[in-house]
Amino acid sequence: MWLITTLIAALAVTAVWFIAPKKYQLGLLALMLWGLAVMILVDHIMGYGGSGPFLEMETDGLIENGTVLGIAMLVPIFTIWEIVLTMSKIKGKMGEASAR
């Protein structure tokens, strides 16, 4: 289920990227989300043994719910994206101040 959660986030951000202003750098966020989705897909393919479902609702790890695991994987992506936005905003203000 964490694959589906990530794919939904990647599709949603990609759709918004087409209509939103470029100052939000949604292209970068979409790229990071698609990268995460591809990594999870490769993990699923490599770990699939043929017995049982390909998409699982539960995991054997620390986070047992697949949806919660997908959301937990999205949190660092959005955090990094916010840091990049903040740094570019600060860099833009510093560039304006030095041009004066």
C-alpha atoms as a PDB file:
ATOM      1  CA  MET A   1       0.000   0.000   0.000  1.00  0.00           C
ATOM      2  CA  TRP A   2       2.936   2.347   0.522  1.00  0.00           C
ATOM      3  CA  LEU A   3       3.592   2.123  -3.218  1.00  0.00           C
ATOM      4  CA  ILE A   4       0.042   3.280  -3.959  1.00  0.00           C
ATOM      5  CA  THR A   5       0.306   6.123  -1.419  1.00  0.00           C
ATOM      6  CA  THR A   6       3.518   7.356  -3.010  1.00  0.00           C
ATOM      7  CA  LEU A   7       2.139   7.061  -6.553  1.00  0.00           C
ATOM      8  CA  ILE A   8      -0.952   9.078  -5.605  1.00  0.00           C
ATOM      9  CA  ALA A   9       1.237  11.819  -4.114  1.00  0.00           C
ATOM     10  CA  ALA A  10       3.494  11.855  -7.188  1.00  0.00           C
ATOM     11  CA  LEU A  11       0.542  12.034  -9.586  1.00  0.00           C
ATOM     12  CA  ALA A  12      -1.149  14.803  -7.568  1.00  0.00           C
ATOM     13  CA  VAL A  13       1.982  16.959  -7.366  1.00  0.00           C
ATOM     14  CA  THR A  14       2.707  16.422 -11.055  1.00  0.00           C
ATOM     15  CA  ALA A  15      -0.836  17.523 -11.948  1.00  0.00           C
ATOM     16  CA  VAL A  16      -0.557  20.643  -9.779  1.00  0.00           C
ATOM     17  CA  TRP A  17       2.896  21.373 -11.245  1.00  0.00           C
ATOM     18  CA  PHE A  18       1.292  22.066 -14.625  1.00  0.00           C
ATOM     19  CA  ILE A  19      -0.960  24.850 -13.250  1.00  0.00           C
ATOM     20  CA  ALA A  20       0.892  26.300 -10.246  1.00  0.00           C
ATOM     21  CA  PRO A  21       3.429  29.145 -10.388  1.00  0.00           C
ATOM     22  CA  LYS A  22       7.025  28.023 -10.885  1.00  0.00           C
ATOM     23  CA  LYS A  23       8.196  29.806  -7.726  1.00  0.00           C
ATOM     24  CA  TYR A  24       7.033  26.829  -5.632  1.00  0.00           C
ATOM     25  CA  GLN A  25       9.490  24.496  -7.377  1.00  0.00           C
ATOM     26  CA  LEU A  26       6.926  21.730  -7.690  1.00  0.00           C
ATOM     27  CA  GLY A  27       9.036  20.176 -10.433  1.00  0.00           C
ATOM     28  CA  LEU A  28      11.672  19.322  -7.843  1.00  0.00           C
ATOM     29  CA  LEU A  29       9.044  17.898  -5.486  1.00  0.00           C
ATOM     30  CA  ALA A  30       7.506  15.833  -8.286  1.00  0.00           C
ATOM     31  CA  LEU A  31      10.947  14.524  -9.261  1.00  0.00           C
ATOM     32  CA  MET A  32      11.680  13.479  -5.671  1.00  0.00           C
ATOM     33  CA  LEU A  33       8.288  11.777  -5.350  1.00  0.00           C
ATOM     34  CA  TRP A  34       8.678   9.905  -8.641  1.00  0.00           C
ATOM     35  CA  GLY A  35      12.141   8.816  -7.519  1.00  0.00           C
ATOM     36  CA  LEU A  36      10.669   7.469  -4.286  1.00  0.00           C
ATOM     37  CA  ALA A  37       7.909   5.673  -6.199  1.00  0.00           C
ATOM     38  CA  VAL A  38      10.426   4.035  -8.541  1.00  0.00           C
ATOM     39  CA  MET A  39      12.593   2.942  -5.603  1.00  0.00           C
ATOM     40  CA  ILE A  40       9.592   1.378  -3.855  1.00  0.00           C
ATOM     41  CA  LEU A  41       8.505  -0.327  -7.094  1.00  0.00           C
ATOM     42  CA  VAL A  42      11.985  -1.809  -7.562  1.00  0.00           C
ATOM     43  CA  ASP A  43      11.923  -2.961  -3.925  1.00  0.00           C
ATOM     44  CA  HIS A  44       8.547  -4.629  -4.489  1.00  0.00           C
ATOM     45  CA  ILE A  45       9.729  -6.333  -7.678  1.00  0.00           C
ATOM     46  CA  MET A  46      12.973  -7.566  -6.125  1.00  0.00           C
ATOM     47  CA  GLY A  47      11.238  -8.805  -2.963  1.00  0.00           C
ATOM     48  CA  TYR A  48       8.288 -10.468  -4.668  1.00  0.00           C
ATOM     49  CA  GLY A  49       8.589 -14.211  -4.432  1.00  0.00           C
ATOM     50  CA  GLY A  50       5.463 -15.123  -6.346  1.00  0.00           C
ATOM     51  CA  SER A  51       3.589 -16.350  -3.318  1.00  0.00           C
ATOM     52  CA  GLY A  52       1.122 -13.843  -1.982  1.00  0.00           C
ATOM     53  CA  PRO A  53      -0.091 -10.439  -3.084  1.00  0.00           C
ATOM     54  CA  PHE A  54       2.206  -7.954  -4.813  1.00  0.00           C
ATOM     55  CA  LEU A  55       0.667  -4.991  -2.965  1.00  0.00           C
ATOM     56  CA  GLU A  56       0.446  -5.599   0.752  1.00  0.00           C
ATOM     57  CA  MET A  57      -1.621  -3.746   3.321  1.00  0.00           C
ATOM     58  CA  GLU A  58       0.604  -4.754   6.239  1.00  0.00           C
ATOM     59  CA  THR A  59       4.354  -4.974   6.755  1.00  0.00           C
ATOM     60  CA  ASP A  60       6.602  -7.013   9.004  1.00  0.00           C
ATOM     61  CA  GLY A  61       8.606  -3.957  10.029  1.00  0.00           C
ATOM     62  CA  LEU A  62       8.384  -1.337  12.726  1.00  0.00           C
ATOM     63  CA  ILE A  63       5.400   0.347  11.043  1.00  0.00           C
ATOM     64  CA  GLU A  64       2.850  -2.385  10.424  1.00  0.00           C
ATOM     65  CA  ASN A  65       0.241  -0.416   8.452  1.00  0.00           C
ATOM     66  CA  GLY A  66       1.142   0.091   4.788  1.00  0.00           C
ATOM     67  CA  THR A  67      -0.639   3.437   4.459  1.00  0.00           C
ATOM     68  CA  VAL A  68       1.090   4.844   7.535  1.00  0.00           C
ATOM     69  CA  LEU A  69       4.408   3.628   6.146  1.00  0.00           C
ATOM     70  CA  GLY A  70       3.712   5.443   2.868  1.00  0.00           C
ATOM     71  CA  ILE A  71       2.933   8.663   4.717  1.00  0.00           C
ATOM     72  CA  ALA A  72       6.051   8.242   6.860  1.00  0.00           C
ATOM     73  CA  MET A  73       8.089   7.951   3.650  1.00  0.00           C
ATOM     74  CA  LEU A  74       6.554  11.158   2.296  1.00  0.00           C
ATOM     75  CA  VAL A  75       7.406  13.269   5.356  1.00  0.00           C
ATOM     76  CA  PRO A  76      11.189  13.524   4.655  1.00  0.00           C
ATOM     77  CA  ILE A  77      10.506  14.326   0.985  1.00  0.00           C
ATOM     78  CA  PHE A  78       8.241  17.238   1.882  1.00  0.00           C
ATOM     79  CA  THR A  79      10.679  18.369   4.599  1.00  0.00           C
ATOM     80  CA  ILE A  80      13.596  18.489   2.150  1.00  0.00           C
ATOM     81  CA  TRP A  81      11.428  20.328  -0.382  1.00  0.00           C
ATOM     82  CA  GLU A  82      10.475  22.929   2.263  1.00  0.00           C
ATOM     83  CA  ILE A  83      14.140  23.415   3.186  1.00  0.00           C
ATOM     84  CA  VAL A  84      15.016  23.982  -0.486  1.00  0.00           C
ATOM     85  CA  LEU A  85      12.186  26.517  -0.819  1.00  0.00           C
ATOM     86  CA  THR A  86      13.286  28.358   2.298  1.00  0.00           C
ATOM     87  CA  MET A  87      16.926  28.440   1.219  1.00  0.00           C
ATOM     88  CA  SER A  88      16.075  29.752  -2.251  1.00  0.00           C
ATOM     89  CA  LYS A  89      13.855  32.418  -0.698  1.00  0.00           C
ATOM     90  CA  ILE A  90      16.664  33.508   1.634  1.00  0.00           C
ATOM     91  CA  LYS A  91      19.155  33.445  -1.244  1.00  0.00           C
ATOM     92  CA  GLY A  92      16.792  35.585  -3.326  1.00  0.00           C
ATOM     93  CA  LYS A  93      16.471  38.175  -0.561  1.00  0.00           C
ATOM     94  CA  MET A  94      20.239  38.291  -0.108  1.00  0.00           C
ATOM     95  CA  GLY A  95      20.690  38.806  -3.849  1.00  0.00           C
ATOM     96  CA  GLU A  96      18.224  41.697  -3.841  1.00  0.00           C
ATOM     97  CA  ALA A  97      19.985  43.311  -0.879  1.00  0.00           C
ATOM     98  CA  SER A  98      23.410  43.113  -2.510  1.00  0.00           C
ATOM     99  CA  ALA A  99      22.081  44.579  -5.784  1.00  0.00           C
ATOM    100  CA  ARG A 100      21.028  47.768  -4.013  1.00  0.00           C
END
